[in-house]
C-alpha atoms as a PDB file:
ATOM      1  CA  MET A   1     -17.316 -65.006-175.343  1.00  0.00           C
ATOM      2  CA  PRO A   2     -20.264 -63.645-173.416  1.00  0.00           C
ATOM      3  CA  PRO A   3     -23.618 -64.281-175.027  1.00  0.00           C
ATOM      4  CA  GLN A   4     -24.946 -61.395-177.076  1.00  0.00           C
ATOM      5  CA  GLN A   5     -28.337 -59.912-176.268  1.00  0.00           C
ATOM      6  CA  PRO A   6     -31.026 -59.944-178.940  1.00  0.00           C
ATOM      7  CA  LYS A   7     -31.227 -56.825-181.061  1.00  0.00           C
ATOM      8  CA  THR A   8     -34.640 -56.034-179.659  1.00  0.00           C
ATOM      9  CA  LEU A   9     -33.255 -55.809-176.115  1.00  0.00           C
ATOM     10  CA  GLN A  10     -30.293 -53.737-177.303  1.00  0.00           C
ATOM     11  CA  SER A  11     -32.589 -51.238-179.021  1.00  0.00           C
ATOM     12  CA  ARG A  12     -34.792 -51.062-175.950  1.00  0.00           C
ATOM     13  CA  GLY A  13     -31.820 -50.294-173.733  1.00  0.00           C
ATOM     14  CA  GLN A  14     -30.662 -47.564-176.086  1.00  0.00           C
ATOM     15  CA  GLU A  15     -34.070 -45.837-176.371  1.00  0.00           C
ATOM     16  CA  PRO A  16     -33.901 -43.927-173.024  1.00  0.00           C
ATOM     17  CA  LEU A  17     -30.350 -42.798-173.742  1.00  0.00           C
ATOM     18  CA  LEU A  18     -31.306 -41.675-177.248  1.00  0.00           C
ATOM     19  CA  LYS A  19     -34.275 -39.692-175.935  1.00  0.00           C
ATOM     20  CA  LEU A  20     -32.054 -38.033-173.330  1.00  0.00           C
ATOM     21  CA  VAL A  21     -29.464 -36.971-175.926  1.00  0.00           C
ATOM     22  CA  LEU A  22     -32.068 -35.606-178.330  1.00  0.00           C
ATOM     23  CA  GLY A  23     -33.868 -33.747-175.540  1.00  0.00           C
ATOM     24  CA  HIS A  24     -30.629 -32.187-174.297  1.00  0.00           C
ATOM     25  CA  ARG A  25     -29.777 -31.104-177.862  1.00  0.00           C
ATOM     26  CA  ARG A  26     -33.150 -29.389-178.275  1.00  0.00           C
ATOM     27  CA  PHE A  27     -32.660 -27.645-174.913  1.00  0.00           C
ATOM     28  CA  LEU A  28     -29.293 -26.271-175.974  1.00  0.00           C
ATOM     29  CA  GLN A  29     -30.709 -25.032-179.270  1.00  0.00           C
ATOM     30  CA  GLY A  30     -33.430 -23.188-177.382  1.00  0.00           C
ATOM     31  CA  THR A  31     -31.084 -21.451-174.909  1.00  0.00           C
ATOM     32  CA  VAL A  32     -28.103 -20.545-177.083  1.00  0.00           C
ATOM     33  CA  PRO A  33     -28.670 -17.097-178.666  1.00  0.00           C
ATOM     34  CA  ARG A  34     -28.959 -16.975-182.423  1.00  0.00           C
ATOM     35  CA  ARG A  35     -26.678 -14.966-184.615  1.00  0.00           C
ATOM     36  CA  GLY A  36     -27.454 -11.298-184.502  1.00  0.00           C
ATOM     37  CA  ASN A  37     -28.638 -11.405-180.869  1.00  0.00           C
ATOM     38  CA  THR A  38     -25.248 -11.972-179.323  1.00  0.00           C
ATOM     39  CA  GLY A  39     -24.515  -9.489-176.555  1.00  0.00           C
ATOM     40  CA  ARG A  40     -28.116  -8.332-176.129  1.00  0.00           C
ATOM     41  CA  GLY A  41     -29.238  -8.660-172.555  1.00  0.00           C
ATOM     42  CA  HIS A  42     -32.227  -7.805-170.423  1.00  0.00           C
ATOM     43  CA  LEU A  43     -31.289  -4.140-170.333  1.00  0.00           C
ATOM     44  CA  ALA A  44     -31.284  -3.907-174.141  1.00  0.00           C
ATOM     45  CA  CYS A  45     -34.753  -5.442-174.258  1.00  0.00           C
ATOM     46  CA  LEU A  46     -36.011  -2.883-171.747  1.00  0.00           C
ATOM     47  CA  LEU A  47     -34.489  -0.021-173.688  1.00  0.00           C
ATOM     48  CA  LYS A  48     -35.924  -1.309-176.932  1.00  0.00           C
ATOM     49  CA  GLY A  49     -39.369  -1.357-175.331  1.00  0.00           C
ATOM     50  CA  GLY A  50     -39.064   2.198-174.018  1.00  0.00           C
ATOM     51  CA  ALA A  51     -38.310   1.672-170.322  1.00  0.00           C
ATOM     52  CA  LEU A  52     -39.695   4.222-167.887  1.00  0.00           C
ATOM     53  CA  PRO A  53     -37.416   6.359-165.706  1.00  0.00           C
ATOM     54  CA  LEU A  54     -36.254   4.524-162.595  1.00  0.00           C
ATOM     55  CA  TYR A  55     -38.320   6.671-160.241  1.00  0.00           C
ATOM     56  CA  GLN A  56     -41.467   5.964-162.294  1.00  0.00           C
ATOM     57  CA  ARG A  57     -41.137   2.209-162.655  1.00  0.00           C
ATOM     58  CA  ASP A  58     -43.235   1.487-159.560  1.00  0.00           C
ATOM     59  CA  GLU A  59     -44.266  -2.170-159.525  1.00  0.00           C
ATOM     60  CA  ARG A  60     -44.156  -2.552-163.288  1.00  0.00           C
ATOM     61  CA  THR A  61     -40.421  -3.195-163.500  1.00  0.00           C
ATOM     62  CA  ARG A  62     -38.623  -5.386-160.977  1.00  0.00           C
ATOM     63  CA  LEU A  63     -34.980  -4.642-160.355  1.00  0.00           C
ATOM     64  CA  PRO A  64     -32.832  -7.711-159.653  1.00  0.00           C
ATOM     65  CA  GLY A  65     -30.862  -7.703-156.396  1.00  0.00           C
ATOM     66  CA  ARG A  66     -27.102  -7.631-156.527  1.00  0.00           C
ATOM     67  CA  ARG A  67     -24.816 -10.314-155.250  1.00  0.00           C
ATOM     68  CA  ALA A  68     -24.462 -10.390-151.469  1.00  0.00           C
ATOM     69  CA  GLY A  69     -21.352  -8.874-149.943  1.00  0.00           C
ATOM     70  CA  THR A  70     -21.074  -5.801-152.138  1.00  0.00           C
ATOM     71  CA  PRO A  71     -20.508  -2.566-150.204  1.00  0.00           C
ATOM     72  CA  SER A  72     -23.497  -0.469-149.263  1.00  0.00           C
ATOM     73  CA  SER A  73     -23.809   3.087-148.073  1.00  0.00           C
ATOM     74  CA  LEU A  74     -24.335   4.496-144.616  1.00  0.00           C
ATOM     75  CA  SER A  75     -26.918   7.119-143.942  1.00  0.00           C
ATOM     76  CA  GLY A  76     -30.053   7.318-141.872  1.00  0.00           C
ATOM     77  CA  GLY A  77     -30.391   3.581-141.508  1.00  0.00           C
ATOM     78  CA  LEU A  78     -27.263   2.161-143.068  1.00  0.00           C
ATOM     79  CA  GLY A  79     -24.494   0.865-140.877  1.00  0.00           C
ATOM     80  CA  ASP A  80     -21.334  -1.198-141.240  1.00  0.00           C
ATOM     81  CA  SER A  81     -22.160  -4.871-141.126  1.00  0.00           C
ATOM     82  CA  ASP A  82     -20.108  -7.992-141.799  1.00  0.00           C
ATOM     83  CA  LYS A  83     -23.260  -9.999-142.453  1.00  0.00           C
ATOM     84  CA  LYS A  84     -23.875 -10.994-146.036  1.00  0.00           C
ATOM     85  CA  ALA A  85     -27.433 -10.436-147.159  1.00  0.00           C
ATOM     86  CA  PRO A  86     -28.968 -13.114-149.379  1.00  0.00           C
ATOM     87  CA  MET A  87     -29.563 -12.108-152.964  1.00  0.00           C
ATOM     88  CA  ALA A  88     -33.232 -11.219-153.406  1.00  0.00           C
ATOM     89  CA  PRO A  89     -35.208  -9.268-156.017  1.00  0.00           C
ATOM     90  CA  TYR A  90     -36.289  -5.773-155.082  1.00  0.00           C
ATOM     91  CA  HIS A  91     -37.947  -2.858-156.777  1.00  0.00           C
ATOM     92  CA  ILE A  92     -38.207   0.875-156.141  1.00  0.00           C
ATOM     93  CA  ARG A  93     -41.627   2.470-156.142  1.00  0.00           C
ATOM     94  CA  LYS A  94     -43.485   5.569-155.026  1.00  0.00           C
ATOM     95  CA  TYR A  95     -44.267   6.006-151.335  1.00  0.00           C
ATOM     96  CA  GLN A  96     -47.827   5.297-150.217  1.00  0.00           C
ATOM     97  CA  GLU A  97     -49.582   6.207-146.974  1.00  0.00           C
ATOM     98  CA  SER A  98     -49.797   2.516-146.095  1.00  0.00           C
ATOM     99  CA  ASP A  99     -45.963   2.519-145.887  1.00  0.00           C
ATOM    100  CA  ARG A 100     -45.828   5.201-143.189  1.00  0.00           C
ATOM    101  CA  LYS A 101     -45.540   2.928-140.154  1.00  0.00           C
ATOM    102  CA  THR A 102     -42.801   0.805-141.702  1.00  0.00           C
ATOM    103  CA  VAL A 103     -40.893   3.833-142.993  1.00  0.00           C
ATOM    104  CA  LEU A 104     -40.827   5.516-139.580  1.00  0.00           C
ATOM    105  CA  ALA A 105     -39.756   2.289-137.865  1.00  0.00           C
ATOM    106  CA  LEU A 106     -36.987   1.759-140.421  1.00  0.00           C
ATOM    107  CA  PHE A 107     -35.691   5.291-139.969  1.00  0.00           C
ATOM    108  CA  SER A 108     -35.800   5.034-136.158  1.00  0.00           C
ATOM    109  CA  GLN A 109     -33.856   1.766-136.214  1.00  0.00           C
ATOM    110  CA  GLY A 110     -31.243   3.394-138.417  1.00  0.00           C
ATOM    111  CA  MET A 111     -30.750   6.198-135.938  1.00  0.00           C
ATOM    112  CA  ALA A 112     -30.348   3.724-133.064  1.00  0.00           C
ATOM    113  CA  GLU A 113     -27.620   1.851-134.972  1.00  0.00           C
ATOM    114  CA  HIS A 114     -25.359   4.915-134.872  1.00  0.00           C
ATOM    115  CA  VAL A 115     -25.318   5.137-131.063  1.00  0.00           C
ATOM    116  CA  PRO A 116     -22.607   2.463-130.426  1.00  0.00           C
ATOM    117  CA  THR A 117     -20.389   3.949-133.158  1.00  0.00           C
ATOM    118  CA  THR A 118     -20.703   7.424-131.647  1.00  0.00           C
ATOM    119  CA  PHE A 119     -20.022   6.054-128.159  1.00  0.00           C
ATOM    120  CA  LEU A 120     -16.815   4.297-129.253  1.00  0.00           C
ATOM    121  CA  HIS A 121     -15.729   7.403-131.145  1.00  0.00           C
ATOM    122  CA  THR A 122     -16.194   9.488-127.996  1.00  0.00           C
ATOM    123  CA  LEU A 123     -14.181   7.030-125.905  1.00  0.00           C
ATOM    124  CA  LYS A 124     -11.208   7.418-128.251  1.00  0.00           C
ATOM    125  CA  LEU A 125     -11.029  11.183-127.796  1.00  0.00           C
ATOM    126  CA  PRO A 126      -8.020  12.415-125.760  1.00  0.00           C
ATOM    127  CA  ARG A 127     -10.202  14.532-123.485  1.00  0.00           C
ATOM    128  CA  THR A 128     -12.372  11.511-122.733  1.00  0.00           C
ATOM    129  CA  PHE A 129      -9.315   9.451-121.835  1.00  0.00           C
ATOM    130  CA  VAL A 130      -8.117  12.149-119.447  1.00  0.00           C
ATOM    131  CA  LEU A 131     -11.575  12.408-117.890  1.00  0.00           C
ATOM    132  CA  LEU A 132     -12.015   8.649-117.406  1.00  0.00           C
ATOM    133  CA  LEU A 133      -8.528   8.179-116.005  1.00  0.00           C
ATOM    134  CA  GLY A 134      -7.942  11.417-114.114  1.00  0.00           C
ATOM    135  CA  GLY A 135     -11.394  11.813-112.538  1.00  0.00           C
ATOM    136  CA  PRO A 136     -11.594   8.470-110.684  1.00  0.00           C
ATOM    137  CA  LEU A 137      -7.874   8.632-109.808  1.00  0.00           C
ATOM    138  CA  ALA A 138      -8.281  12.061-108.239  1.00  0.00           C
ATOM    139  CA  LEU A 139     -11.341  10.824-106.346  1.00  0.00           C
ATOM    140  CA  PHE A 140      -9.372   7.827-105.060  1.00  0.00           C
ATOM    141  CA  LEU A 141      -6.515  10.012-103.873  1.00  0.00           C
ATOM    142  CA  VAL A 142      -8.956  12.210-101.986  1.00  0.00           C
ATOM    143  CA  SER A 143     -11.220   9.515-100.552  1.00  0.00           C
ATOM    144  CA  GLY A 144      -8.925   6.468-100.517  1.00  0.00           C
ATOM    145  CA  SER A 145     -11.797   4.283-101.743  1.00  0.00           C
ATOM    146  CA  TRP A 146     -11.399   2.121-104.848  1.00  0.00           C
ATOM    147  CA  LEU A 147     -15.117   1.391-104.781  1.00  0.00           C
ATOM    148  CA  LEU A 148     -15.928   5.090-105.011  1.00  0.00           C
ATOM    149  CA  ALA A 149     -13.467   5.496-107.868  1.00  0.00           C
ATOM    150  CA  LEU A 150     -15.031   2.525-109.697  1.00  0.00           C
ATOM    151  CA  MET A 151     -18.512   3.958-109.250  1.00  0.00           C
ATOM    152  CA  ALA A 152     -17.275   7.259-110.655  1.00  0.00           C
ATOM    153  CA  SER A 153     -15.864   5.493-113.755  1.00  0.00           C
ATOM    154  CA  LEU A 154     -19.135   3.670-114.368  1.00  0.00           C
ATOM    155  CA  THR A 155     -21.060   6.913-113.948  1.00  0.00           C
ATOM    156  CA  LEU A 156     -18.871   8.657-116.515  1.00  0.00           C
ATOM    157  CA  LEU A 157     -19.321   5.795-118.994  1.00  0.00           C
ATOM    158  CA  ALA A 158     -23.078   5.932-118.534  1.00  0.00           C
ATOM    159  CA  ALA A 159     -23.013   9.688-119.115  1.00  0.00           C
ATOM    160  CA  LEU A 160     -21.023   9.242-122.333  1.00  0.00           C
ATOM    161  CA  TRP A 161     -23.508   6.618-123.582  1.00  0.00           C
ATOM    162  CA  PHE A 162     -26.389   8.954-122.803  1.00  0.00           C
ATOM    163  CA  LEU A 163     -24.628  11.742-124.696  1.00  0.00           C
ATOM    164  CA  ALA A 164     -24.075   9.547-127.764  1.00  0.00           C
ATOM    165  CA  LYS A 165     -27.699   8.417-127.692  1.00  0.00           C
ATOM    166  CA  TYR A 166     -29.074  11.899-127.127  1.00  0.00           C
ATOM    167  CA  CYS A 167     -27.419  13.272-130.277  1.00  0.00           C
ATOM    168  CA  TRP A 168     -29.254  10.799-132.508  1.00  0.00           C
ATOM    169  CA  THR A 169     -32.467  11.027-130.509  1.00  0.00           C
ATOM    170  CA  LEU A 170     -32.482  14.781-131.012  1.00  0.00           C
ATOM    171  CA  PHE A 171     -31.971  14.356-134.753  1.00  0.00           C
ATOM    172  CA  LEU A 172     -34.786  11.779-134.869  1.00  0.00           C
ATOM    173  CA  VAL A 173     -37.196  14.085-133.047  1.00  0.00           C
ATOM    174  CA  VAL A 174     -36.410  16.987-135.390  1.00  0.00           C
ATOM    175  CA  SER A 175     -36.956  14.740-138.421  1.00  0.00           C
ATOM    176  CA  LEU A 176     -40.289  13.456-137.114  1.00  0.00           C
ATOM    177  CA  GLN A 177     -41.435  17.022-136.492  1.00  0.00           C
ATOM    178  CA  THR A 178     -40.510  18.284-139.969  1.00  0.00           C
ATOM    179  CA  ASP A 179     -40.764  16.388-143.261  1.00  0.00           C
ATOM    180  CA  LEU A 180     -41.521  12.964-141.746  1.00  0.00           C
ATOM    181  CA  SER A 181     -44.513  14.308-139.835  1.00  0.00           C
ATOM    182  CA  ASP A 182     -46.507  14.207-143.088  1.00  0.00           C
ATOM    183  CA  ILE A 183     -44.538  12.560-145.895  1.00  0.00           C
ATOM    184  CA  THR A 184     -47.264  12.925-148.498  1.00  0.00           C
ATOM    185  CA  LYS A 185     -47.651  16.632-147.837  1.00  0.00           C
ATOM    186  CA  SER A 186     -43.915  17.296-147.626  1.00  0.00           C
ATOM    187  CA  TYR A 187     -42.884  15.414-150.770  1.00  0.00           C
ATOM    188  CA  PHE A 188     -45.919  15.318-153.056  1.00  0.00           C
ATOM    189  CA  SER A 189     -47.805  18.571-152.515  1.00  0.00           C
ATOM    190  CA  GLU A 190     -45.580  20.470-154.969  1.00  0.00           C
ATOM    191  CA  ARG A 191     -43.752  19.597-158.152  1.00  0.00           C
ATOM    192  CA  GLY A 192     -40.050  18.888-157.812  1.00  0.00           C
ATOM    193  CA  SER A 193     -39.997  16.616-154.744  1.00  0.00           C
ATOM    194  CA  TYR A 194     -40.469  12.872-154.364  1.00  0.00           C
ATOM    195  CA  PHE A 195     -40.222   9.981-151.902  1.00  0.00           C
ATOM    196  CA  TRP A 196     -39.396   6.368-152.802  1.00  0.00           C
ATOM    197  CA  VAL A 197     -39.454   3.080-150.951  1.00  0.00           C
ATOM    198  CA  VAL A 198     -37.753  -0.203-151.785  1.00  0.00           C
ATOM    199  CA  GLU A 199     -39.857  -3.335-151.617  1.00  0.00           C
ATOM    200  CA  ALA A 200     -38.487  -6.870-151.363  1.00  0.00           C
ATOM    201  CA  GLU A 201     -40.535  -9.988-150.728  1.00  0.00           C
ATOM    202  CA  GLY A 202     -43.591  -7.852-150.035  1.00  0.00           C
ATOM    203  CA  GLN A 203     -41.872  -5.773-147.338  1.00  0.00           C
ATOM    204  CA  VAL A 204     -40.532  -2.212-147.368  1.00  0.00           C
ATOM    205  CA  VAL A 205     -36.778  -2.539-146.783  1.00  0.00           C
ATOM    206  CA  GLY A 206     -35.450   0.868-147.834  1.00  0.00           C
ATOM    207  CA  MET A 207     -36.354   4.471-148.545  1.00  0.00           C
ATOM    208  CA  VAL A 208     -35.076   7.827-149.722  1.00  0.00           C
ATOM    209  CA  GLY A 209     -36.531  11.288-150.167  1.00  0.00           C
ATOM    210  CA  ALA A 210     -35.762  14.184-152.501  1.00  0.00           C
ATOM    211  CA  LEU A 211     -36.958  17.587-151.338  1.00  0.00           C
ATOM    212  CA  ARG A 212     -36.732  20.858-153.231  1.00  0.00           C
ATOM    213  CA  ILE A 213     -34.846  23.538-151.294  1.00  0.00           C
ATOM    214  CA  LYS A 214     -36.949  26.671-151.087  1.00  0.00           C
ATOM    215  CA  GLU A 215     -34.408  29.459-150.887  1.00  0.00           C
ATOM    216  CA  PRO A 216     -35.202  32.652-152.852  1.00  0.00           C
ATOM    217  CA  THR A 217     -31.560  33.725-152.686  1.00  0.00           C
ATOM    218  CA  LEU A 218     -30.372  30.630-154.552  1.00  0.00           C
ATOM    219  CA  GLU A 219     -29.587  31.245-158.192  1.00  0.00           C
ATOM    220  CA  LYS A 220     -29.447  27.537-158.968  1.00  0.00           C
ATOM    221  CA  GLY A 221     -32.149  25.001-158.196  1.00  0.00           C
ATOM    222  CA  GLN A 222     -31.116  22.614-155.451  1.00  0.00           C
ATOM    223  CA  LEU A 223     -32.575  19.231-154.544  1.00  0.00           C
ATOM    224  CA  GLU A 224     -31.788  17.714-151.157  1.00  0.00           C
ATOM    225  CA  LEU A 225     -31.372  13.969-150.712  1.00  0.00           C
ATOM    226  CA  LEU A 226     -32.892  12.958-147.373  1.00  0.00           C
ATOM    227  CA  ARG A 227     -33.722   9.930-145.206  1.00  0.00           C
ATOM    228  CA  LEU A 228     -31.674   7.354-147.089  1.00  0.00           C
ATOM    229  CA  SER A 229     -32.086   4.121-145.160  1.00  0.00           C
ATOM    230  CA  VAL A 230     -31.877   0.378-145.839  1.00  0.00           C
ATOM    231  CA  ALA A 231     -32.867  -2.443-143.482  1.00  0.00           C
ATOM    232  CA  LEU A 232     -29.924  -4.262-141.908  1.00  0.00           C
ATOM    233  CA  GLU A 233     -30.792  -7.673-143.340  1.00  0.00           C
ATOM    234  CA  HIS A 234     -31.008  -6.297-146.890  1.00  0.00           C
ATOM    235  CA  ARG A 235     -27.686  -4.475-147.053  1.00  0.00           C
ATOM    236  CA  GLY A 236     -24.943  -5.604-149.383  1.00  0.00           C
ATOM    237  CA  GLN A 237     -27.263  -5.789-152.393  1.00  0.00           C
ATOM    238  CA  GLY A 238     -26.580  -2.350-153.908  1.00  0.00           C
ATOM    239  CA  ILE A 239     -29.946  -0.957-152.785  1.00  0.00           C
ATOM    240  CA  ALA A 240     -28.492   2.254-151.324  1.00  0.00           C
ATOM    241  CA  LYS A 241     -26.561   2.992-154.512  1.00  0.00           C
ATOM    242  CA  ALA A 242     -29.669   2.340-156.604  1.00  0.00           C
ATOM    243  CA  LEU A 243     -31.630   4.798-154.456  1.00  0.00           C
ATOM    244  CA  VAL A 244     -28.986   7.506-154.865  1.00  0.00           C
ATOM    245  CA  ARG A 245     -28.991   6.978-158.629  1.00  0.00           C
ATOM    246  CA  THR A 246     -32.776   7.267-158.609  1.00  0.00           C
ATOM    247  CA  VAL A 247     -32.551  10.663-156.912  1.00  0.00           C
ATOM    248  CA  LEU A 248     -29.875  11.864-159.347  1.00  0.00           C
ATOM    249  CA  GLN A 249     -31.936  10.804-162.347  1.00  0.00           C
ATOM    250  CA  PHE A 250     -34.990  12.533-160.907  1.00  0.00           C
ATOM    251  CA  ALA A 251     -32.945  15.712-160.411  1.00  0.00           C
ATOM    252  CA  ARG A 252     -31.773  15.647-164.032  1.00  0.00           C
ATOM    253  CA  ASP A 253     -35.287  15.172-165.357  1.00  0.00           C
ATOM    254  CA  GLN A 254     -36.626  17.974-163.178  1.00  0.00           C
ATOM    255  CA  GLY A 255     -33.931  20.420-164.302  1.00  0.00           C
ATOM    256  CA  TYR A 256     -32.048  20.868-161.039  1.00  0.00           C
ATOM    257  CA  SER A 257     -28.468  22.077-161.060  1.00  0.00           C
ATOM    258  CA  GLU A 258     -27.321  20.550-157.758  1.00  0.00           C
ATOM    259  CA  VAL A 259     -28.141  17.695-155.405  1.00  0.00           C
ATOM    260  CA  VAL A 260     -27.054  18.220-151.810  1.00  0.00           C
ATOM    261  CA  LEU A 261     -27.052  15.935-148.782  1.00  0.00           C
ATOM    262  CA  THR A 262     -25.757  15.786-145.225  1.00  0.00           C
ATOM    263  CA  THR A 263     -23.994  12.930-143.464  1.00  0.00           C
ATOM    264  CA  THR A 264     -21.583  12.668-140.534  1.00  0.00           C
ATOM    265  CA  ILE A 265     -17.886  11.998-140.279  1.00  0.00           C
ATOM    266  CA  LEU A 266     -18.673   8.772-138.409  1.00  0.00           C
ATOM    267  CA  GLN A 267     -20.477   7.340-141.427  1.00  0.00           C
ATOM    268  CA  SER A 268     -17.329   6.514-143.362  1.00  0.00           C
ATOM    269  CA  SER A 269     -18.982   4.027-145.718  1.00  0.00           C
ATOM    270  CA  ALA A 270     -21.669   6.540-146.643  1.00  0.00           C
ATOM    271  CA  LEU A 271     -19.021   9.174-147.246  1.00  0.00           C
ATOM    272  CA  ALA A 272     -17.043   6.801-149.474  1.00  0.00           C
ATOM    273  CA  LEU A 273     -20.157   5.863-151.452  1.00  0.00           C
ATOM    274  CA  TYR A 274     -21.226   9.466-152.059  1.00  0.00           C
ATOM    275  CA  GLN A 275     -17.749  10.554-153.098  1.00  0.00           C
ATOM    276  CA  SER A 276     -17.404   7.576-155.455  1.00  0.00           C
ATOM    277  CA  MET A 277     -20.610   8.726-157.159  1.00  0.00           C
ATOM    278  CA  GLY A 278     -19.334  12.274-157.650  1.00  0.00           C
ATOM    279  CA  PHE A 279     -20.392  14.169-154.518  1.00  0.00           C
ATOM    280  CA  GLN A 280     -17.959  16.778-153.193  1.00  0.00           C
ATOM    281  CA  LYS A 281     -17.518  18.132-149.666  1.00  0.00           C
ATOM    282  CA  THR A 282     -18.672  21.727-149.377  1.00  0.00           C
ATOM    283  CA  GLN A 283     -19.275  22.349-145.675  1.00  0.00           C
ATOM    284  CA  GLN A 284     -18.642  20.954-142.199  1.00  0.00           C
ATOM    285  CA  PHE A 285     -20.664  21.893-139.122  1.00  0.00           C
ATOM    286  CA  PHE A 286     -22.124  20.544-135.871  1.00  0.00           C
ATOM    287  CA  PHE A 287     -25.830  19.689-135.797  1.00  0.00           C
ATOM    288  CA  SER A 288     -26.065  20.676-132.120  1.00  0.00           C
ATOM    289  CA  MET A 289     -23.970  21.486-129.074  1.00  0.00           C
ATOM    290  CA  TRP A 290     -24.262  17.868-127.969  1.00  0.00           C
ATOM    291  CA  CYS A 291     -22.758  16.676-131.235  1.00  0.00           C
ATOM    292  CA  ARG A 292     -19.901  19.124-130.700  1.00  0.00           C
ATOM    293  CA  LEU A 293     -19.148  17.428-127.382  1.00  0.00           C
ATOM    294  CA  THR A 294     -18.812  14.089-129.152  1.00  0.00           C
ATOM    295  CA  ALA A 295     -16.606  15.647-131.858  1.00  0.00           C
ATOM    296  CA  ALA A 296     -18.863  14.234-134.583  1.00  0.00           C
ATOM    297  CA  PRO A 297     -19.375  16.983-137.172  1.00  0.00           C
ATOM    298  CA  SER A 298     -21.869  16.795-140.002  1.00  0.00           C
ATOM    299  CA  ILE A 299     -20.604  17.055-143.587  1.00  0.00           C
ATOM    300  CA  ARG A 300     -22.441  18.721-146.446  1.00  0.00           C
ATOM    301  CA  LEU A 301     -21.866  17.263-149.897  1.00  0.00           C
ATOM    302  CA  THR A 302     -22.913  18.546-153.320  1.00  0.00           C
ATOM    303  CA  TYR A 303     -23.375  16.845-156.670  1.00  0.00           C
ATOM    304  CA  LEU A 304     -23.248  19.193-159.667  1.00  0.00           C
ATOM    305  CA  LEU A 305     -25.627  18.414-162.496  1.00  0.00           C
ATOM    306  CA  PRO A 306     -25.517  19.725-166.067  1.00  0.00           C
ATOM    307  CA  SER A 307     -28.300  22.105-166.999  1.00  0.00           C
ATOM    308  CA  ALA A 308     -31.344  20.141-168.049  1.00  0.00           C
ATOM    309  CA  GLN A 309     -34.724  21.103-169.353  1.00  0.00           C
ATOM    310  CA  VAL A 310     -37.610  20.312-167.056  1.00  0.00           C
ATOM    311  CA  SER A 311     -39.315  17.215-168.320  1.00  0.00           C
ATOM    312  CA  GLN A 312     -42.960  17.662-169.221  1.00  0.00           C
ATOM    313  CA  ALA A 313     -43.748  13.978-169.449  1.00  0.00           C
ATOM    314  CA  PRO A 314     -46.874  13.028-167.476  1.00  0.00           C
ATOM    315  CA  GLY A 315     -46.393  11.543-164.025  1.00  0.00           C
ATOM    316  CA  GLN A 316     -42.937  12.967-163.348  1.00  0.00           C
ATOM    317  CA  GLY A 317     -43.971  15.821-161.118  1.00  0.00           C
ATOM    318  CA  GLY A 318     -43.644  15.593-157.372  1.00  0.00           C
ATOM    319  CA  GLY A 319     -47.300  16.364-156.909  1.00  0.00           C
ATOM    320  CA  LEU A 320     -48.529  13.717-159.337  1.00  0.00           C
END
């Protein structure tokens, strides 16, 4: 039989193991919820403490990012992407003048992302196919030069790219000359409008605006959702959906009856997101003659809200 160790050595060898077991037991007792608290999560704690409306949380409440890979919307700066964004905390807050440069750059990048999609859409049109095939072929039959026919094809492709780019450039210029020329004045000078940005890791990565429609002929108050955009590397975290919900909640609290927005038929993901949240198609039109040439109509969507009394709580007005 093997010699037995003295009891002192045995107890010494068991001391670390005993401490580990007791420490692990205390850890489990501290993390397992007690009876009566089962099922209460972070949201219940916030509600119990009187959480502020989403559009008023500012930096005081941090919203956790969603798991990467979840679908996001398409709008001003939201495009289809197979890249999975890492999960990161983000929070929605009020726009500040120091955000202006980043907001304009984010919106401009979003517009540029739609150019390749519009170009490919134009190439698939039957009239484009006839033009690209018939034009160079007719030129070859007349001149007998394949080089001339090839140059004609490349020229037509360049013209189609310019057309696709010009549509979004025109929209960008109009936006920069209207509400984005002075965001503070456009969205905070009067009650009933607002502009939010999304901040993650100290950087502005998303934005959305809500502007009151000033039409004296309208019997119902309408709020327009504008400039929804999320940075490419931060998509797939549910930020776009959170921004839309923020606008809808703001509209309810301000007593609006409808929320309207405009997107394009090429932004299929945006269209699917809006419709899944309750928006309905109400109108289809072309933003300009150039957009008509690309057969990319704009779509107007409306979200109907129940009648709500205008909230008088401090800090909820657009001009505050």
